[in-house]
Amino acid sequence: MIVRKLHDVIGTDHDVDNGKSTSRRLVVASDARGYTVTDTCVRAGTTSYMRYDRHLESCYCIEGSGQVHTDSGRWDIDAGTLYAPDRHEEHRLVTRTDMRLICVFSPALRGDENHSFDETAPSGY
């Protein structure tokens, strides 16, 4: 049984800030579950250009609003919306307000990975 509170993660190696967002990794690879769960806060007015080649990710928005952009379309994201890019799919998350996302990664993250954002190439891990 794992019981972990958000405040248990804040200030540890599993509390990762990249300048655009802060990702608190609640379940990581060392927990031997095969997936990661994060509580991620994305700052208002940011654009995050991403692509995951080794992971699948699903993001469930619980607060805030923005859009996700891919080559195949644009979708409004707000509380109660889930988005899940395909593996290798380049996408941009554009925030209107601060957004809070609960994200699941498979396979699991170590917990200390961080984005290196560059508008000319997508970031991922």
C-alpha atoms as a PDB file:
ATOM      1  CA  MET A   1       0.000   0.000   0.000  1.00  0.00           C
ATOM      2  CA  ILE A   2       1.230   3.449  -0.893  1.00  0.00           C
ATOM      3  CA  VAL A   3      -0.272   6.408   0.917  1.00  0.00           C
ATOM      4  CA  ARG A   4       1.339   9.688  -0.053  1.00  0.00           C
ATOM      5  CA  LYS A   5       0.155  13.255   0.407  1.00  0.00           C
ATOM      6  CA  LEU A   6       1.066  16.147  -1.856  1.00  0.00           C
ATOM      7  CA  HIS A   7       2.962  17.853   0.986  1.00  0.00           C
ATOM      8  CA  ASP A   8       5.130  14.690   1.272  1.00  0.00           C
ATOM      9  CA  VAL A   9       6.493  15.395  -2.245  1.00  0.00           C
ATOM     10  CA  ILE A  10       6.889  19.187  -2.126  1.00  0.00           C
ATOM     11  CA  GLY A  11      10.545  20.163  -1.740  1.00  0.00           C
ATOM     12  CA  THR A  12      11.906  16.708  -2.691  1.00  0.00           C
ATOM     13  CA  ASP A  13      13.604  15.443  -5.879  1.00  0.00           C
ATOM     14  CA  HIS A  14      10.101  14.540  -7.096  1.00  0.00           C
ATOM     15  CA  ASP A  15       9.008  18.212  -7.040  1.00  0.00           C
ATOM     16  CA  VAL A  16      10.260  19.413 -10.445  1.00  0.00           C
ATOM     17  CA  ASP A  17       9.966  22.972 -11.772  1.00  0.00           C
ATOM     18  CA  ASN A  18      10.905  23.887 -15.353  1.00  0.00           C
ATOM     19  CA  GLY A  19       9.946  27.558 -15.370  1.00  0.00           C
ATOM     20  CA  LYS A  20       6.588  26.944 -17.061  1.00  0.00           C
ATOM     21  CA  SER A  21       5.191  24.311 -14.733  1.00  0.00           C
ATOM     22  CA  THR A  22       5.757  22.465 -11.488  1.00  0.00           C
ATOM     23  CA  SER A  23       5.256  18.701 -11.543  1.00  0.00           C
ATOM     24  CA  ARG A  24       4.885  16.822  -8.266  1.00  0.00           C
ATOM     25  CA  ARG A  25       5.433  13.117  -8.921  1.00  0.00           C
ATOM     26  CA  LEU A  26       3.255  11.170  -6.497  1.00  0.00           C
ATOM     27  CA  VAL A  27       3.965   7.672  -7.873  1.00  0.00           C
ATOM     28  CA  VAL A  28       7.309   6.948  -9.576  1.00  0.00           C
ATOM     29  CA  ALA A  29       9.261   4.006 -10.990  1.00  0.00           C
ATOM     30  CA  SER A  30      10.765   3.039  -7.625  1.00  0.00           C
ATOM     31  CA  ASP A  31       7.208   2.444  -6.359  1.00  0.00           C
ATOM     32  CA  ALA A  32       7.032  -0.551  -8.779  1.00  0.00           C
ATOM     33  CA  ARG A  33       3.593   0.214 -10.200  1.00  0.00           C
ATOM     34  CA  GLY A  34       4.580   0.572 -13.867  1.00  0.00           C
ATOM     35  CA  TYR A  35       3.129   4.074 -14.147  1.00  0.00           C
ATOM     36  CA  THR A  36       3.597   7.564 -12.715  1.00  0.00           C
ATOM     37  CA  VAL A  37       0.947   9.904 -11.313  1.00  0.00           C
ATOM     38  CA  THR A  38       1.719  13.624 -11.149  1.00  0.00           C
ATOM     39  CA  ASP A  39      -0.016  16.720  -9.829  1.00  0.00           C
ATOM     40  CA  THR A  40       1.161  19.383 -12.288  1.00  0.00           C
ATOM     41  CA  CYS A  41       0.541  23.133 -12.155  1.00  0.00           C
ATOM     42  CA  VAL A  42       1.131  24.962 -15.461  1.00  0.00           C
ATOM     43  CA  ARG A  43       1.549  28.734 -15.320  1.00  0.00           C
ATOM     44  CA  ALA A  44      -0.866  31.072 -17.116  1.00  0.00           C
ATOM     45  CA  GLY A  45       0.236  32.522 -20.451  1.00  0.00           C
ATOM     46  CA  THR A  46       2.765  29.798 -21.257  1.00  0.00           C
ATOM     47  CA  THR A  47       3.196  27.525 -24.270  1.00  0.00           C
ATOM     48  CA  SER A  48       4.840  24.147 -23.716  1.00  0.00           C
ATOM     49  CA  TYR A  49       5.991  22.305 -26.864  1.00  0.00           C
ATOM     50  CA  MET A  50       6.297  18.565 -26.126  1.00  0.00           C
ATOM     51  CA  ARG A  51       6.619  15.072 -27.566  1.00  0.00           C
ATOM     52  CA  TYR A  52       7.041  11.844 -25.624  1.00  0.00           C
ATOM     53  CA  ASP A  53       8.886   9.078 -27.468  1.00  0.00           C
ATOM     54  CA  ARG A  54       9.240   6.658 -24.525  1.00  0.00           C
ATOM     55  CA  HIS A  55       6.023   7.314 -22.624  1.00  0.00           C
ATOM     56  CA  LEU A  56       2.289   7.609 -23.041  1.00  0.00           C
ATOM     57  CA  GLU A  57       0.695  10.430 -21.048  1.00  0.00           C
ATOM     58  CA  SER A  58      -2.890  11.206 -20.086  1.00  0.00           C
ATOM     59  CA  CYS A  59      -3.704  14.581 -18.505  1.00  0.00           C
ATOM     60  CA  TYR A  60      -6.912  15.335 -16.624  1.00  0.00           C
ATOM     61  CA  CYS A  61      -7.538  19.040 -16.019  1.00  0.00           C
ATOM     62  CA  ILE A  62      -8.966  19.808 -12.575  1.00  0.00           C
ATOM     63  CA  GLU A  63      -8.458  23.608 -12.612  1.00  0.00           C
ATOM     64  CA  GLY A  64      -7.884  26.364 -15.162  1.00  0.00           C
ATOM     65  CA  SER A  65      -8.127  26.577 -18.931  1.00  0.00           C
ATOM     66  CA  GLY A  66      -6.150  26.550 -22.153  1.00  0.00           C
ATOM     67  CA  GLN A  67      -5.802  24.635 -25.395  1.00  0.00           C
ATOM     68  CA  VAL A  68      -3.816  21.719 -26.723  1.00  0.00           C
ATOM     69  CA  HIS A  69      -2.603  22.012 -30.345  1.00  0.00           C
ATOM     70  CA  THR A  70      -1.461  19.203 -32.658  1.00  0.00           C
ATOM     71  CA  ASP A  71      -1.126  18.845 -36.412  1.00  0.00           C
ATOM     72  CA  SER A  72      -4.628  17.356 -36.438  1.00  0.00           C
ATOM     73  CA  GLY A  73      -6.446  20.056 -34.472  1.00  0.00           C
ATOM     74  CA  ARG A  74      -6.905  22.331 -31.473  1.00  0.00           C
ATOM     75  CA  TRP A  75      -8.961  21.482 -28.428  1.00  0.00           C
ATOM     76  CA  ASP A  76     -10.150  23.617 -25.539  1.00  0.00           C
ATOM     77  CA  ILE A  77      -9.036  22.238 -22.179  1.00  0.00           C
ATOM     78  CA  ASP A  78     -10.739  23.180 -18.925  1.00  0.00           C
ATOM     79  CA  ALA A  79     -11.745  21.517 -15.668  1.00  0.00           C
ATOM     80  CA  GLY A  80     -13.222  18.096 -16.387  1.00  0.00           C
ATOM     81  CA  THR A  81     -11.347  17.568 -19.683  1.00  0.00           C
ATOM     82  CA  LEU A  82      -8.820  14.793 -20.329  1.00  0.00           C
ATOM     83  CA  TYR A  83      -6.336  14.838 -23.190  1.00  0.00           C
ATOM     84  CA  ALA A  84      -3.929  12.054 -24.117  1.00  0.00           C
ATOM     85  CA  PRO A  85      -1.444  12.601 -26.958  1.00  0.00           C
ATOM     86  CA  ASP A  86      -0.275   9.583 -28.935  1.00  0.00           C
ATOM     87  CA  ARG A  87       3.315   8.410 -28.507  1.00  0.00           C
ATOM     88  CA  HIS A  88       5.589  10.564 -30.737  1.00  0.00           C
ATOM     89  CA  GLU A  89       2.791  13.120 -31.254  1.00  0.00           C
ATOM     90  CA  GLU A  90       4.056  16.686 -31.084  1.00  0.00           C
ATOM     91  CA  HIS A  91       1.719  18.907 -29.127  1.00  0.00           C
ATOM     92  CA  ARG A  92       1.615  22.366 -27.608  1.00  0.00           C
ATOM     93  CA  LEU A  93      -0.178  23.128 -24.371  1.00  0.00           C
ATOM     94  CA  VAL A  94      -1.185  26.808 -24.394  1.00  0.00           C
ATOM     95  CA  THR A  95      -2.566  28.125 -21.104  1.00  0.00           C
ATOM     96  CA  ARG A  96      -5.013  30.983 -20.630  1.00  0.00           C
ATOM     97  CA  THR A  97      -5.050  30.711 -16.833  1.00  0.00           C
ATOM     98  CA  ASP A  98      -3.038  28.691 -14.346  1.00  0.00           C
ATOM     99  CA  MET A  99      -3.907  25.052 -14.997  1.00  0.00           C
ATOM    100  CA  ARG A 100      -3.746  22.094 -12.656  1.00  0.00           C
ATOM    101  CA  LEU A 101      -3.474  18.683 -14.279  1.00  0.00           C
ATOM    102  CA  ILE A 102      -3.418  15.180 -12.852  1.00  0.00           C
ATOM    103  CA  CYS A 103      -1.201  13.221 -15.269  1.00  0.00           C
ATOM    104  CA  VAL A 104      -0.455   9.535 -15.687  1.00  0.00           C
ATOM    105  CA  PHE A 105       2.684   8.325 -17.497  1.00  0.00           C
ATOM    106  CA  SER A 106       3.369   4.804 -18.705  1.00  0.00           C
ATOM    107  CA  PRO A 107       5.946   3.439 -18.298  1.00  0.00           C
ATOM    108  CA  ALA A 108       6.787   5.108 -15.013  1.00  0.00           C
ATOM    109  CA  LEU A 109       9.126   8.087 -14.651  1.00  0.00           C
ATOM    110  CA  ARG A 110      12.111   8.011 -12.291  1.00  0.00           C
ATOM    111  CA  GLY A 111      10.646  11.181 -10.840  1.00  0.00           C
ATOM    112  CA  ASP A 112      13.434  13.693 -11.445  1.00  0.00           C
ATOM    113  CA  GLU A 113      13.040  14.181 -15.224  1.00  0.00           C
ATOM    114  CA  ASN A 114      12.667  17.758 -16.396  1.00  0.00           C
ATOM    115  CA  HIS A 115      11.718  19.517 -19.604  1.00  0.00           C
ATOM    116  CA  SER A 116      14.149  21.660 -21.533  1.00  0.00           C
ATOM    117  CA  PHE A 117      11.846  23.911 -23.514  1.00  0.00           C
ATOM    118  CA  ASP A 118      12.937  25.282 -26.881  1.00  0.00           C
ATOM    119  CA  GLU A 119      10.348  26.592 -29.345  1.00  0.00           C
ATOM    120  CA  THR A 120      12.237  25.021 -32.283  1.00  0.00           C
ATOM    121  CA  ALA A 121      12.023  21.414 -31.020  1.00  0.00           C
ATOM    122  CA  PRO A 122       9.660  19.586 -28.696  1.00  0.00           C
ATOM    123  CA  SER A 123      10.760  18.598 -25.191  1.00  0.00           C
ATOM    124  CA  GLY A 124      10.153  15.161 -23.777  1.00  0.00           C
ATOM    125  CA  TYR A 125      11.594  12.369 -21.718  1.00  0.00           C
END
